[in-house]
Amino acid sequence: MKYSPQFERDYQFYLKNAEKFNFAPYQPIVEVSDTGKDAKHCFWRLDSTGKLLPCSEPELLRSLLICKKSLGFHLKMWAEGFEEMGEEVDYYMSEFISPPKWVRVALEKAISKHS
């Protein structure tokens, strides 16, 4: 399967950050199947269609999904406490490994909503 460059970029970002960003008020239910698709394909399918396929790599898929939710959760928390913390956006961005530009944009947008 050939994935778009944007998906590949984002997939690698979540993969690199899954160990650190592993908390979110969300626990995905993943159907396990030895004959299911790999975690990357299942992640792509869920991201593009909202449908979750049976997965042959359920732990990896769970960690990717939790990382994605955790990212949103952290951006929201950081934006809500931004004024009180007195840190620059770069302080928060340094928490990520190789963040795509959209992460900074999302954080700045969330901060502007809370200012």
PDB file of N, CA and C in Angstrom:
ATOM      1  N   MET A   1       0.838  -1.180   0.000  1.00  0.00           N
ATOM      2  CA  MET A   1       0.000   0.000   0.000  1.00  0.00           C
ATOM      3  C   MET A   1       0.880   1.239   0.000  1.00  0.00           C
ATOM      4  N   LYS A   2       0.560   2.153  -0.860  1.00  0.00           N
ATOM      5  CA  LYS A   2       1.301   3.415  -0.917  1.00  0.00           C
ATOM      6  C   LYS A   2       0.504   4.465  -0.150  1.00  0.00           C
ATOM      7  N   TYR A   3       1.153   5.093   0.815  1.00  0.00           N
ATOM      8  CA  TYR A   3       0.517   6.115   1.638  1.00  0.00           C
ATOM      9  C   TYR A   3       0.983   7.495   1.184  1.00  0.00           C
ATOM     10  N   SER A   4       0.176   8.493   1.475  1.00  0.00           N
ATOM     11  CA  SER A   4       0.541   9.861   1.107  1.00  0.00           C
ATOM     12  C   SER A   4       1.749  10.313   1.934  1.00  0.00           C
ATOM     13  N   PRO A   5       2.515  11.267   1.411  1.00  0.00           N
ATOM     14  CA  PRO A   5       3.650  11.792   2.180  1.00  0.00           C
ATOM     15  C   PRO A   5       3.215  12.390   3.515  1.00  0.00           C
ATOM     16  N   GLN A   6       2.044  13.021   3.563  1.00  0.00           N
ATOM     17  CA  GLN A   6       1.548  13.608   4.811  1.00  0.00           C
ATOM     18  C   GLN A   6       1.247  12.522   5.844  1.00  0.00           C
ATOM     19  N   PHE A   7       0.629  11.433   5.375  1.00  0.00           N
ATOM     20  CA  PHE A   7       0.356  10.335   6.302  1.00  0.00           C
ATOM     21  C   PHE A   7       1.662   9.739   6.805  1.00  0.00           C
ATOM     22  N   GLU A   8       2.608   9.506   5.917  1.00  0.00           N
ATOM     23  CA  GLU A   8       3.908   8.944   6.319  1.00  0.00           C
ATOM     24  C   GLU A   8       4.583   9.831   7.360  1.00  0.00           C
ATOM     25  N   ARG A   9       4.550  11.150   7.128  1.00  0.00           N
ATOM     26  CA  ARG A   9       5.148  12.110   8.069  1.00  0.00           C
ATOM     27  C   ARG A   9       4.481  11.997   9.432  1.00  0.00           C
ATOM     28  N   ASP A  10       3.150  12.014   9.443  1.00  0.00           N
ATOM     29  CA  ASP A  10       2.410  11.971  10.696  1.00  0.00           C
ATOM     30  C   ASP A  10       2.557  10.617  11.387  1.00  0.00           C
ATOM     31  N   TYR A  11       2.542   9.544  10.624  1.00  0.00           N
ATOM     32  CA  TYR A  11       2.715   8.213  11.192  1.00  0.00           C
ATOM     33  C   TYR A  11       4.072   8.116  11.899  1.00  0.00           C
ATOM     34  N   GLN A  12       5.116   8.585  11.246  1.00  0.00           N
ATOM     35  CA  GLN A  12       6.444   8.558  11.852  1.00  0.00           C
ATOM     36  C   GLN A  12       6.505   9.429  13.107  1.00  0.00           C
ATOM     37  N   PHE A  13       5.827  10.564  13.067  1.00  0.00           N
ATOM     38  CA  PHE A  13       5.770  11.457  14.239  1.00  0.00           C
ATOM     39  C   PHE A  13       5.122  10.736  15.414  1.00  0.00           C
ATOM     40  N   TYR A  14       3.969  10.124  15.196  1.00  0.00           N
ATOM     41  CA  TYR A  14       3.300   9.416  16.290  1.00  0.00           C
ATOM     42  C   TYR A  14       4.141   8.236  16.765  1.00  0.00           C
ATOM     43  N   LEU A  15       4.761   7.534  15.850  1.00  0.00           N
ATOM     44  CA  LEU A  15       5.604   6.399  16.196  1.00  0.00           C
ATOM     45  C   LEU A  15       6.768   6.835  17.097  1.00  0.00           C
ATOM     46  N   LYS A  16       7.418   7.936  16.745  1.00  0.00           N
ATOM     47  CA  LYS A  16       8.560   8.442  17.515  1.00  0.00           C
ATOM     48  C   LYS A  16       8.147   8.972  18.887  1.00  0.00           C
ATOM     49  N   ASN A  17       6.924   9.447  19.009  1.00  0.00           N
ATOM     50  CA  ASN A  17       6.489  10.096  20.247  1.00  0.00           C
ATOM     51  C   ASN A  17       5.569   9.233  21.111  1.00  0.00           C
ATOM     52  N   ALA A  18       5.252   8.027  20.658  1.00  0.00           N
ATOM     53  CA  ALA A  18       4.299   7.170  21.366  1.00  0.00           C
ATOM     54  C   ALA A  18       4.757   6.793  22.767  1.00  0.00           C
ATOM     55  N   GLU A  19       6.044   6.636  22.955  1.00  0.00           N
ATOM     56  CA  GLU A  19       6.534   6.247  24.276  1.00  0.00           C
ATOM     57  C   GLU A  19       6.331   7.362  25.305  1.00  0.00           C
ATOM     58  N   LYS A  20       6.529   8.592  24.890  1.00  0.00           N
ATOM     59  CA  LYS A  20       6.401   9.730  25.814  1.00  0.00           C
ATOM     60  C   LYS A  20       4.958  10.195  25.963  1.00  0.00           C
ATOM     61  N   PHE A  21       4.236  10.273  24.864  1.00  0.00           N
ATOM     62  CA  PHE A  21       2.857  10.746  24.900  1.00  0.00           C
ATOM     63  C   PHE A  21       1.935   9.536  24.935  1.00  0.00           C
ATOM     64  N   ASN A  22       1.818   8.987  26.139  1.00  0.00           N
ATOM     65  CA  ASN A  22       1.089   7.729  26.298  1.00  0.00           C
ATOM     66  C   ASN A  22      -0.051   7.835  27.297  1.00  0.00           C
ATOM     67  N   PHE A  23      -0.465   9.067  27.586  1.00  0.00           N
ATOM     68  CA  PHE A  23      -1.597   9.250  28.485  1.00  0.00           C
ATOM     69  C   PHE A  23      -2.667  10.088  27.804  1.00  0.00           C
ATOM     70  N   ALA A  24      -3.860   9.562  27.815  1.00  0.00           N
ATOM     71  CA  ALA A  24      -5.021  10.292  27.316  1.00  0.00           C
ATOM     72  C   ALA A  24      -6.248   9.654  27.946  1.00  0.00           C
ATOM     73  N   PRO A  25      -7.280  10.428  28.152  1.00  0.00           N
ATOM     74  CA  PRO A  25      -8.506   9.848  28.707  1.00  0.00           C
ATOM     75  C   PRO A  25      -9.238   9.040  27.632  1.00  0.00           C
ATOM     76  N   TYR A  26      -8.561   8.008  27.149  1.00  0.00           N
ATOM     77  CA  TYR A  26      -9.050   7.234  26.007  1.00  0.00           C
ATOM     78  C   TYR A  26      -8.337   5.894  25.981  1.00  0.00           C
ATOM     79  N   GLN A  27      -9.079   4.843  25.880  1.00  0.00           N
ATOM     80  CA  GLN A  27      -8.508   3.512  25.718  1.00  0.00           C
ATOM     81  C   GLN A  27      -9.160   2.854  24.510  1.00  0.00           C
ATOM     82  N   PRO A  28      -8.456   2.797  23.396  1.00  0.00           N
ATOM     83  CA  PRO A  28      -9.041   2.225  22.183  1.00  0.00           C
ATOM     84  C   PRO A  28      -9.285   0.728  22.313  1.00  0.00           C
ATOM     85  N   ILE A  29     -10.370   0.293  21.749  1.00  0.00           N
ATOM     86  CA  ILE A  29     -10.678  -1.129  21.694  1.00  0.00           C
ATOM     87  C   ILE A  29     -10.304  -1.604  20.295  1.00  0.00           C
ATOM     88  N   VAL A  30      -9.340  -2.479  20.246  1.00  0.00           N
ATOM     89  CA  VAL A  30      -8.803  -2.964  18.980  1.00  0.00           C
ATOM     90  C   VAL A  30      -9.114  -4.446  18.846  1.00  0.00           C
ATOM     91  N   GLU A  31      -9.703  -4.806  17.725  1.00  0.00           N
ATOM     92  CA  GLU A  31      -9.980  -6.217  17.456  1.00  0.00           C
ATOM     93  C   GLU A  31      -8.679  -6.877  16.992  1.00  0.00           C
ATOM     94  N   VAL A  32      -8.288  -7.918  17.695  1.00  0.00           N
ATOM     95  CA  VAL A  32      -7.050  -8.626  17.397  1.00  0.00           C
ATOM     96  C   VAL A  32      -7.335  -9.761  16.413  1.00  0.00           C
ATOM     97  N   SER A  33      -6.469  -9.855  15.400  1.00  0.00           N
ATOM     98  CA  SER A  33      -6.604 -10.940  14.431  1.00  0.00           C
ATOM     99  C   SER A  33      -5.245 -11.240  13.820  1.00  0.00           C
ATOM    100  N   ASP A  34      -4.848 -12.506  13.870  1.00  0.00           N
ATOM    101  CA  ASP A  34      -3.581 -12.908  13.244  1.00  0.00           C
ATOM    102  C   ASP A  34      -3.597 -12.655  11.741  1.00  0.00           C
ATOM    103  N   THR A  35      -4.774 -12.663  11.151  1.00  0.00           N
ATOM    104  CA  THR A  35      -4.892 -12.432   9.714  1.00  0.00           C
ATOM    105  C   THR A  35      -5.295 -10.990   9.398  1.00  0.00           C
ATOM    106  N   GLY A  36      -5.355 -10.157  10.436  1.00  0.00           N
ATOM    107  CA  GLY A  36      -5.719  -8.758  10.231  1.00  0.00           C
ATOM    108  C   GLY A  36      -4.594  -7.967   9.573  1.00  0.00           C
ATOM    109  N   LYS A  37      -4.871  -6.718   9.322  1.00  0.00           N
ATOM    110  CA  LYS A  37      -3.883  -5.822   8.712  1.00  0.00           C
ATOM    111  C   LYS A  37      -2.867  -5.383   9.763  1.00  0.00           C
ATOM    112  N   ASP A  38      -1.721  -4.865   9.301  1.00  0.00           N
ATOM    113  CA  ASP A  38      -0.720  -4.373  10.238  1.00  0.00           C
ATOM    114  C   ASP A  38      -1.187  -3.047  10.863  1.00  0.00           C
ATOM    115  N   ALA A  39      -0.496  -2.603  11.900  1.00  0.00           N
ATOM    116  CA  ALA A  39      -0.895  -1.410  12.650  1.00  0.00           C
ATOM    117  C   ALA A  39      -0.911  -0.160  11.772  1.00  0.00           C
ATOM    118  N   LYS A  40       0.048  -0.050  10.883  1.00  0.00           N
ATOM    119  CA  LYS A  40       0.116   1.131  10.018  1.00  0.00           C
ATOM    120  C   LYS A  40      -1.121   1.231   9.139  1.00  0.00           C
ATOM    121  N   HIS A  41      -1.492   0.123   8.519  1.00  0.00           N
ATOM    122  CA  HIS A  41      -2.668   0.130   7.649  1.00  0.00           C
ATOM    123  C   HIS A  41      -3.935   0.414   8.461  1.00  0.00           C
ATOM    124  N   CYS A  42      -4.062  -0.193   9.627  1.00  0.00           N
ATOM    125  CA  CYS A  42      -5.240   0.032  10.466  1.00  0.00           C
ATOM    126  C   CYS A  42      -5.307   1.486  10.935  1.00  0.00           C
ATOM    127  N   PHE A  43      -4.168   2.073  11.267  1.00  0.00           N
ATOM    128  CA  PHE A  43      -4.115   3.471  11.685  1.00  0.00           C
ATOM    129  C   PHE A  43      -4.548   4.372  10.527  1.00  0.00           C
ATOM    130  N   TRP A  44      -4.022   4.088   9.345  1.00  0.00           N
ATOM    131  CA  TRP A  44      -4.401   4.863   8.155  1.00  0.00           C
ATOM    132  C   TRP A  44      -5.897   4.757   7.888  1.00  0.00           C
ATOM    133  N   ARG A  45      -6.411   3.532   7.955  1.00  0.00           N
ATOM    134  CA  ARG A  45      -7.833   3.317   7.655  1.00  0.00           C
ATOM    135  C   ARG A  45      -8.729   4.057   8.644  1.00  0.00           C
ATOM    136  N   LEU A  46      -8.381   3.987   9.914  1.00  0.00           N
ATOM    137  CA  LEU A  46      -9.167   4.687  10.929  1.00  0.00           C
ATOM    138  C   LEU A  46      -9.083   6.197  10.732  1.00  0.00           C
ATOM    139  N   ASP A  47      -7.894   6.672  10.444  1.00  0.00           N
ATOM    140  CA  ASP A  47      -7.676   8.111  10.249  1.00  0.00           C
ATOM    141  C   ASP A  47      -8.397   8.630   9.007  1.00  0.00           C
ATOM    142  N   SER A  48      -8.466   7.825   7.961  1.00  0.00           N
ATOM    143  CA  SER A  48      -9.045   8.300   6.704  1.00  0.00           C
ATOM    144  C   SER A  48     -10.538   7.992   6.551  1.00  0.00           C
ATOM    145  N   THR A  49     -11.028   6.936   7.214  1.00  0.00           N
ATOM    146  CA  THR A  49     -12.442   6.578   7.026  1.00  0.00           C
ATOM    147  C   THR A  49     -13.230   6.489   8.324  1.00  0.00           C
ATOM    148  N   GLY A  50     -12.518   6.479   9.447  1.00  0.00           N
ATOM    149  CA  GLY A  50     -13.204   6.322  10.732  1.00  0.00           C
ATOM    150  C   GLY A  50     -13.539   4.883  11.066  1.00  0.00           C
ATOM    151  N   LYS A  51     -13.078   3.949  10.241  1.00  0.00           N
ATOM    152  CA  LYS A  51     -13.363   2.531  10.465  1.00  0.00           C
ATOM    153  C   LYS A  51     -12.110   1.818  10.962  1.00  0.00           C
ATOM    154  N   LEU A  52     -12.292   1.037  11.998  1.00  0.00           N
ATOM    155  CA  LEU A  52     -11.180   0.295  12.575  1.00  0.00           C
ATOM    156  C   LEU A  52     -11.236  -1.155  12.123  1.00  0.00           C
ATOM    157  N   LEU A  53     -10.162  -1.608  11.512  1.00  0.00           N
ATOM    158  CA  LEU A  53     -10.067  -2.982  11.016  1.00  0.00           C
ATOM    159  C   LEU A  53      -9.453  -3.891  12.074  1.00  0.00           C
ATOM    160  N   PRO A  54      -9.703  -5.205  11.977  1.00  0.00           N
ATOM    161  CA  PRO A  54      -8.979  -6.152  12.825  1.00  0.00           C
ATOM    162  C   PRO A  54      -7.474  -5.996  12.573  1.00  0.00           C
ATOM    163  N   CYS A  55      -6.698  -6.105  13.638  1.00  0.00           N
ATOM    164  CA  CYS A  55      -5.274  -5.768  13.542  1.00  0.00           C
ATOM    165  C   CYS A  55      -4.387  -6.907  14.027  1.00  0.00           C
ATOM    166  N   SER A  56      -3.309  -7.143  13.283  1.00  0.00           N
ATOM    167  CA  SER A  56      -2.336  -8.163  13.668  1.00  0.00           C
ATOM    168  C   SER A  56      -1.262  -7.610  14.609  1.00  0.00           C
ATOM    169  N   GLU A  57      -1.249  -6.295  14.808  1.00  0.00           N
ATOM    170  CA  GLU A  57      -0.292  -5.644  15.716  1.00  0.00           C
ATOM    171  C   GLU A  57      -1.061  -4.719  16.674  1.00  0.00           C
ATOM    172  N   PRO A  58      -1.898  -5.306  17.532  1.00  0.00           N
ATOM    173  CA  PRO A  58      -2.793  -4.487  18.348  1.00  0.00           C
ATOM    174  C   PRO A  58      -2.095  -3.559  19.341  1.00  0.00           C
ATOM    175  N   GLU A  59      -1.005  -3.990  19.938  1.00  0.00           N
ATOM    176  CA  GLU A  59      -0.323  -3.138  20.912  1.00  0.00           C
ATOM    177  C   GLU A  59       0.268  -1.892  20.243  1.00  0.00           C
ATOM    178  N   LEU A  60       0.859  -2.083  19.079  1.00  0.00           N
ATOM    179  CA  LEU A  60       1.402  -0.946  18.340  1.00  0.00           C
ATOM    180  C   LEU A  60       0.283   0.002  17.934  1.00  0.00           C
ATOM    181  N   LEU A  61      -0.803  -0.541  17.441  1.00  0.00           N
ATOM    182  CA  LEU A  61      -1.932   0.298  17.047  1.00  0.00           C
ATOM    183  C   LEU A  61      -2.481   1.068  18.238  1.00  0.00           C
ATOM    184  N   ARG A  62      -2.652   0.407  19.365  1.00  0.00           N
ATOM    185  CA  ARG A  62      -3.134   1.096  20.574  1.00  0.00           C
ATOM    186  C   ARG A  62      -2.199   2.237  20.954  1.00  0.00           C
ATOM    187  N   SER A  63      -0.901   1.988  20.911  1.00  0.00           N
ATOM    188  CA  SER A  63       0.041   3.039  21.307  1.00  0.00           C
ATOM    189  C   SER A  63      -0.022   4.229  20.349  1.00  0.00           C
ATOM    190  N   LEU A  64      -0.206   3.982  19.067  1.00  0.00           N
ATOM    191  CA  LEU A  64      -0.338   5.070  18.095  1.00  0.00           C
ATOM    192  C   LEU A  64      -1.612   5.878  18.334  1.00  0.00           C
ATOM    193  N   LEU A  65      -2.708   5.178  18.587  1.00  0.00           N
ATOM    194  CA  LEU A  65      -3.979   5.854  18.820  1.00  0.00           C
ATOM    195  C   LEU A  65      -3.950   6.660  20.117  1.00  0.00           C
ATOM    196  N   ILE A  66      -3.355   6.083  21.151  1.00  0.00           N
ATOM    197  CA  ILE A  66      -3.241   6.806  22.420  1.00  0.00           C
ATOM    198  C   ILE A  66      -2.329   8.013  22.255  1.00  0.00           C
ATOM    199  N   CYS A  67      -1.242   7.865  21.515  1.00  0.00           N
ATOM    200  CA  CYS A  67      -0.343   8.999  21.269  1.00  0.00           C
ATOM    201  C   CYS A  67      -1.092  10.132  20.573  1.00  0.00           C
ATOM    202  N   LYS A  68      -1.875   9.805  19.589  1.00  0.00           N
ATOM    203  CA  LYS A  68      -2.630  10.830  18.854  1.00  0.00           C
ATOM    204  C   LYS A  68      -3.589  11.565  19.781  1.00  0.00           C
ATOM    205  N   LYS A  69      -4.322  10.823  20.595  1.00  0.00           N
ATOM    206  CA  LYS A  69      -5.248  11.446  21.552  1.00  0.00           C
ATOM    207  C   LYS A  69      -4.484  12.226  22.620  1.00  0.00           C
ATOM    208  N   SER A  70      -3.360  11.675  23.062  1.00  0.00           N
ATOM    209  CA  SER A  70      -2.546  12.331  24.073  1.00  0.00           C
ATOM    210  C   SER A  70      -2.011  13.665  23.566  1.00  0.00           C
ATOM    211  N   LEU A  71      -1.622  13.696  22.314  1.00  0.00           N
ATOM    212  CA  LEU A  71      -1.148  14.938  21.712  1.00  0.00           C
ATOM    213  C   LEU A  71      -2.229  16.016  21.824  1.00  0.00           C
ATOM    214  N   GLY A  72      -3.444  15.692  21.413  1.00  0.00           N
ATOM    215  CA  GLY A  72      -4.539  16.657  21.504  1.00  0.00           C
ATOM    216  C   GLY A  72      -4.817  17.071  22.931  1.00  0.00           C
ATOM    217  N   PHE A  73      -4.780  16.113  23.843  1.00  0.00           N
ATOM    218  CA  PHE A  73      -4.996  16.370  25.262  1.00  0.00           C
ATOM    219  C   PHE A  73      -3.937  17.326  25.809  1.00  0.00           C
ATOM    220  N   HIS A  74      -2.673  17.070  25.483  1.00  0.00           N
ATOM    221  CA  HIS A  74      -1.587  17.928  25.958  1.00  0.00           C
ATOM    222  C   HIS A  74      -1.665  19.325  25.354  1.00  0.00           C
ATOM    223  N   LEU A  75      -1.950  19.417  24.070  1.00  0.00           N
ATOM    224  CA  LEU A  75      -2.064  20.743  23.453  1.00  0.00           C
ATOM    225  C   LEU A  75      -3.148  21.555  24.148  1.00  0.00           C
ATOM    226  N   LYS A  76      -4.254  20.912  24.455  1.00  0.00           N
ATOM    227  CA  LYS A  76      -5.356  21.600  25.154  1.00  0.00           C
ATOM    228  C   LYS A  76      -4.909  22.054  26.543  1.00  0.00           C
ATOM    229  N   MET A  77      -4.278  21.179  27.297  1.00  0.00           N
ATOM    230  CA  MET A  77      -3.812  21.549  28.647  1.00  0.00           C
ATOM    231  C   MET A  77      -2.787  22.676  28.589  1.00  0.00           C
ATOM    232  N   TRP A  78      -1.852  22.569  27.657  1.00  0.00           N
ATOM    233  CA  TRP A  78      -0.827  23.605  27.546  1.00  0.00           C
ATOM    234  C   TRP A  78      -1.442  24.949  27.181  1.00  0.00           C
ATOM    235  N   ALA A  79      -2.395  24.939  26.282  1.00  0.00           N
ATOM    236  CA  ALA A  79      -3.047  26.188  25.867  1.00  0.00           C
ATOM    237  C   ALA A  79      -3.807  26.806  27.031  1.00  0.00           C
ATOM    238  N   GLU A  80      -4.500  25.982  27.806  1.00  0.00           N
ATOM    239  CA  GLU A  80      -5.272  26.491  28.937  1.00  0.00           C
ATOM    240  C   GLU A  80      -4.380  27.097  30.012  1.00  0.00           C
ATOM    241  N   GLY A  81      -3.189  26.562  30.196  1.00  0.00           N
ATOM    242  CA  GLY A  81      -2.280  27.078  31.221  1.00  0.00           C
ATOM    243  C   GLY A  81      -1.166  27.958  30.680  1.00  0.00           C
ATOM    244  N   PHE A  82      -1.254  28.320  29.417  1.00  0.00           N
ATOM    245  CA  PHE A  82      -0.163  29.034  28.761  1.00  0.00           C
ATOM    246  C   PHE A  82       0.180  30.352  29.459  1.00  0.00           C
ATOM    247  N   GLU A  83      -0.819  31.156  29.757  1.00  0.00           N
ATOM    248  CA  GLU A  83      -0.583  32.479  30.367  1.00  0.00           C
ATOM    249  C   GLU A  83       0.064  32.338  31.745  1.00  0.00           C
ATOM    250  N   GLU A  84      -0.380  31.364  32.529  1.00  0.00           N
ATOM    251  CA  GLU A  84       0.148  31.176  33.879  1.00  0.00           C
ATOM    252  C   GLU A  84       1.583  30.649  33.876  1.00  0.00           C
ATOM    253  N   MET A  85       1.904  29.834  32.893  1.00  0.00           N
ATOM    254  CA  MET A  85       3.239  29.226  32.847  1.00  0.00           C
ATOM    255  C   MET A  85       4.311  30.214  32.426  1.00  0.00           C
ATOM    256  N   GLY A  86       3.983  31.113  31.543  1.00  0.00           N
ATOM    257  CA  GLY A  86       4.954  32.113  31.106  1.00  0.00           C
ATOM    258  C   GLY A  86       6.065  31.573  30.221  1.00  0.00           C
ATOM    259  N   GLU A  87       5.856  30.422  29.633  1.00  0.00           N
ATOM    260  CA  GLU A  87       6.853  29.834  28.728  1.00  0.00           C
ATOM    261  C   GLU A  87       6.516  30.189  27.280  1.00  0.00           C
ATOM    262  N   GLU A  88       7.520  30.140  26.433  1.00  0.00           N
ATOM    263  CA  GLU A  88       7.325  30.369  25.003  1.00  0.00           C
ATOM    264  C   GLU A  88       6.814  29.078  24.349  1.00  0.00           C
ATOM    265  N   VAL A  89       6.263  29.205  23.171  1.00  0.00           N
ATOM    266  CA  VAL A  89       5.766  28.047  22.428  1.00  0.00           C
ATOM    267  C   VAL A  89       6.887  27.039  22.203  1.00  0.00           C
ATOM    268  N   ASP A  90       8.105  27.512  21.962  1.00  0.00           N
ATOM    269  CA  ASP A  90       9.236  26.600  21.729  1.00  0.00           C
ATOM    270  C   ASP A  90       9.487  25.669  22.921  1.00  0.00           C
ATOM    271  N   TYR A  91       9.190  26.144  24.112  1.00  0.00           N
ATOM    272  CA  TYR A  91       9.342  25.313  25.310  1.00  0.00           C
ATOM    273  C   TYR A  91       8.493  24.044  25.167  1.00  0.00           C
ATOM    274  N   TYR A  92       7.263  24.214  24.748  1.00  0.00           N
ATOM    275  CA  TYR A  92       6.352  23.081  24.584  1.00  0.00           C
ATOM    276  C   TYR A  92       6.729  22.240  23.373  1.00  0.00           C
ATOM    277  N   MET A  93       7.132  22.886  22.312  1.00  0.00           N
ATOM    278  CA  MET A  93       7.507  22.159  21.099  1.00  0.00           C
ATOM    279  C   MET A  93       8.719  21.265  21.332  1.00  0.00           C
ATOM    280  N   SER A  94       9.572  21.658  22.266  1.00  0.00           N
ATOM    281  CA  SER A  94      10.763  20.850  22.542  1.00  0.00           C
ATOM    282  C   SER A  94      10.422  19.511  23.196  1.00  0.00           C
ATOM    283  N   GLU A  95       9.187  19.336  23.608  1.00  0.00           N
ATOM    284  CA  GLU A  95       8.755  18.062  24.185  1.00  0.00           C
ATOM    285  C   GLU A  95       8.621  16.968  23.132  1.00  0.00           C
ATOM    286  N   PHE A  96       8.493  17.370  21.868  1.00  0.00           N
ATOM    287  CA  PHE A  96       8.265  16.414  20.787  1.00  0.00           C
ATOM    288  C   PHE A  96       9.554  16.048  20.063  1.00  0.00           C
ATOM    289  N   ILE A  97       9.545  14.870  19.474  1.00  0.00           N
ATOM    290  CA  ILE A  97      10.612  14.448  18.575  1.00  0.00           C
ATOM    291  C   ILE A  97      10.121  14.728  17.157  1.00  0.00           C
ATOM    292  N   SER A  98      10.835  15.573  16.450  1.00  0.00           N
ATOM    293  CA  SER A  98      10.544  15.896  15.048  1.00  0.00           C
ATOM    294  C   SER A  98       9.075  16.231  14.766  1.00  0.00           C
ATOM    295  N   PRO A  99       8.532  17.250  15.435  1.00  0.00           N
ATOM    296  CA  PRO A  99       7.118  17.564  15.182  1.00  0.00           C
ATOM    297  C   PRO A  99       6.894  18.202  13.811  1.00  0.00           C
ATOM    298  N   PRO A 100       5.837  17.784  13.123  1.00  0.00           N
ATOM    299  CA  PRO A 100       5.485  18.456  11.867  1.00  0.00           C
ATOM    300  C   PRO A 100       5.023  19.886  12.172  1.00  0.00           C
ATOM    301  N   LYS A 101       5.024  20.730  11.173  1.00  0.00           N
ATOM    302  CA  LYS A 101       4.632  22.132  11.363  1.00  0.00           C
ATOM    303  C   LYS A 101       3.216  22.262  11.903  1.00  0.00           C
ATOM    304  N   TRP A 102       2.321  21.343  11.542  1.00  0.00           N
ATOM    305  CA  TRP A 102       0.936  21.456  11.977  1.00  0.00           C
ATOM    306  C   TRP A 102       0.785  21.377  13.486  1.00  0.00           C
ATOM    307  N   VAL A 103       1.752  20.783  14.190  1.00  0.00           N
ATOM    308  CA  VAL A 103       1.668  20.687  15.645  1.00  0.00           C
ATOM    309  C   VAL A 103       1.808  22.080  16.257  1.00  0.00           C
ATOM    310  N   ARG A 104       2.787  22.848  15.783  1.00  0.00           N
ATOM    311  CA  ARG A 104       2.967  24.225  16.262  1.00  0.00           C
ATOM    312  C   ARG A 104       1.736  25.066  15.931  1.00  0.00           C
ATOM    313  N   VAL A 105       1.240  24.923  14.725  1.00  0.00           N
ATOM    314  CA  VAL A 105       0.053  25.679  14.309  1.00  0.00           C
ATOM    315  C   VAL A 105      -1.128  25.341  15.219  1.00  0.00           C
ATOM    316  N   ALA A 106      -1.315  24.061  15.507  1.00  0.00           N
ATOM    317  CA  ALA A 106      -2.418  23.637  16.375  1.00  0.00           C
ATOM    318  C   ALA A 106      -2.265  24.209  17.781  1.00  0.00           C
ATOM    319  N   LEU A 107      -1.047  24.205  18.306  1.00  0.00           N
ATOM    320  CA  LEU A 107      -0.807  24.760  19.642  1.00  0.00           C
ATOM    321  C   LEU A 107      -1.060  26.263  19.649  1.00  0.00           C
ATOM    322  N   GLU A 108      -0.534  26.973  18.660  1.00  0.00           N
ATOM    323  CA  GLU A 108      -0.735  28.420  18.605  1.00  0.00           C
ATOM    324  C   GLU A 108      -2.216  28.772  18.457  1.00  0.00           C
ATOM    325  N   LYS A 109      -2.928  28.003  17.695  1.00  0.00           N
ATOM    326  CA  LYS A 109      -4.366  28.238  17.518  1.00  0.00           C
ATOM    327  C   LYS A 109      -5.101  27.998  18.835  1.00  0.00           C
ATOM    328  N   ALA A 110      -4.750  26.927  19.542  1.00  0.00           N
ATOM    329  CA  ALA A 110      -5.381  26.636  20.834  1.00  0.00           C
ATOM    330  C   ALA A 110      -5.067  27.724  21.850  1.00  0.00           C
ATOM    331  N   ILE A 111      -3.844  28.229  21.837  1.00  0.00           N
ATOM    332  CA  ILE A 111      -3.462  29.307  22.765  1.00  0.00           C
ATOM    333  C   ILE A 111      -4.274  30.559  22.461  1.00  0.00           C
ATOM    334  N   SER A 112      -4.432  30.887  21.193  1.00  0.00           N
ATOM    335  CA  SER A 112      -5.176  32.097  20.832  1.00  0.00           C
ATOM    336  C   SER A 112      -6.645  32.004  21.258  1.00  0.00           C
ATOM    337  N   LYS A 113      -7.203  30.809  21.282  1.00  0.00           N
ATOM    338  CA  LYS A 113      -8.582  30.630  21.752  1.00  0.00           C
ATOM    339  C   LYS A 113      -8.714  30.871  23.248  1.00  0.00           C
ATOM    340  N   HIS A 114      -7.632  30.645  23.996  1.00  0.00           N
ATOM    341  CA  HIS A 114      -7.673  30.792  25.453  1.00  0.00           C
ATOM    342  C   HIS A 114      -7.113  32.123  25.929  1.00  0.00           C
ATOM    343  N   SER A 115      -6.650  32.949  25.015  1.00  0.00           N
ATOM    344  CA  SER A 115      -6.059  34.247  25.431  1.00  0.00           C
ATOM    345  C   SER A 115      -7.104  35.319  25.541  1.00  0.00           C
TER     346      SER A 115
END
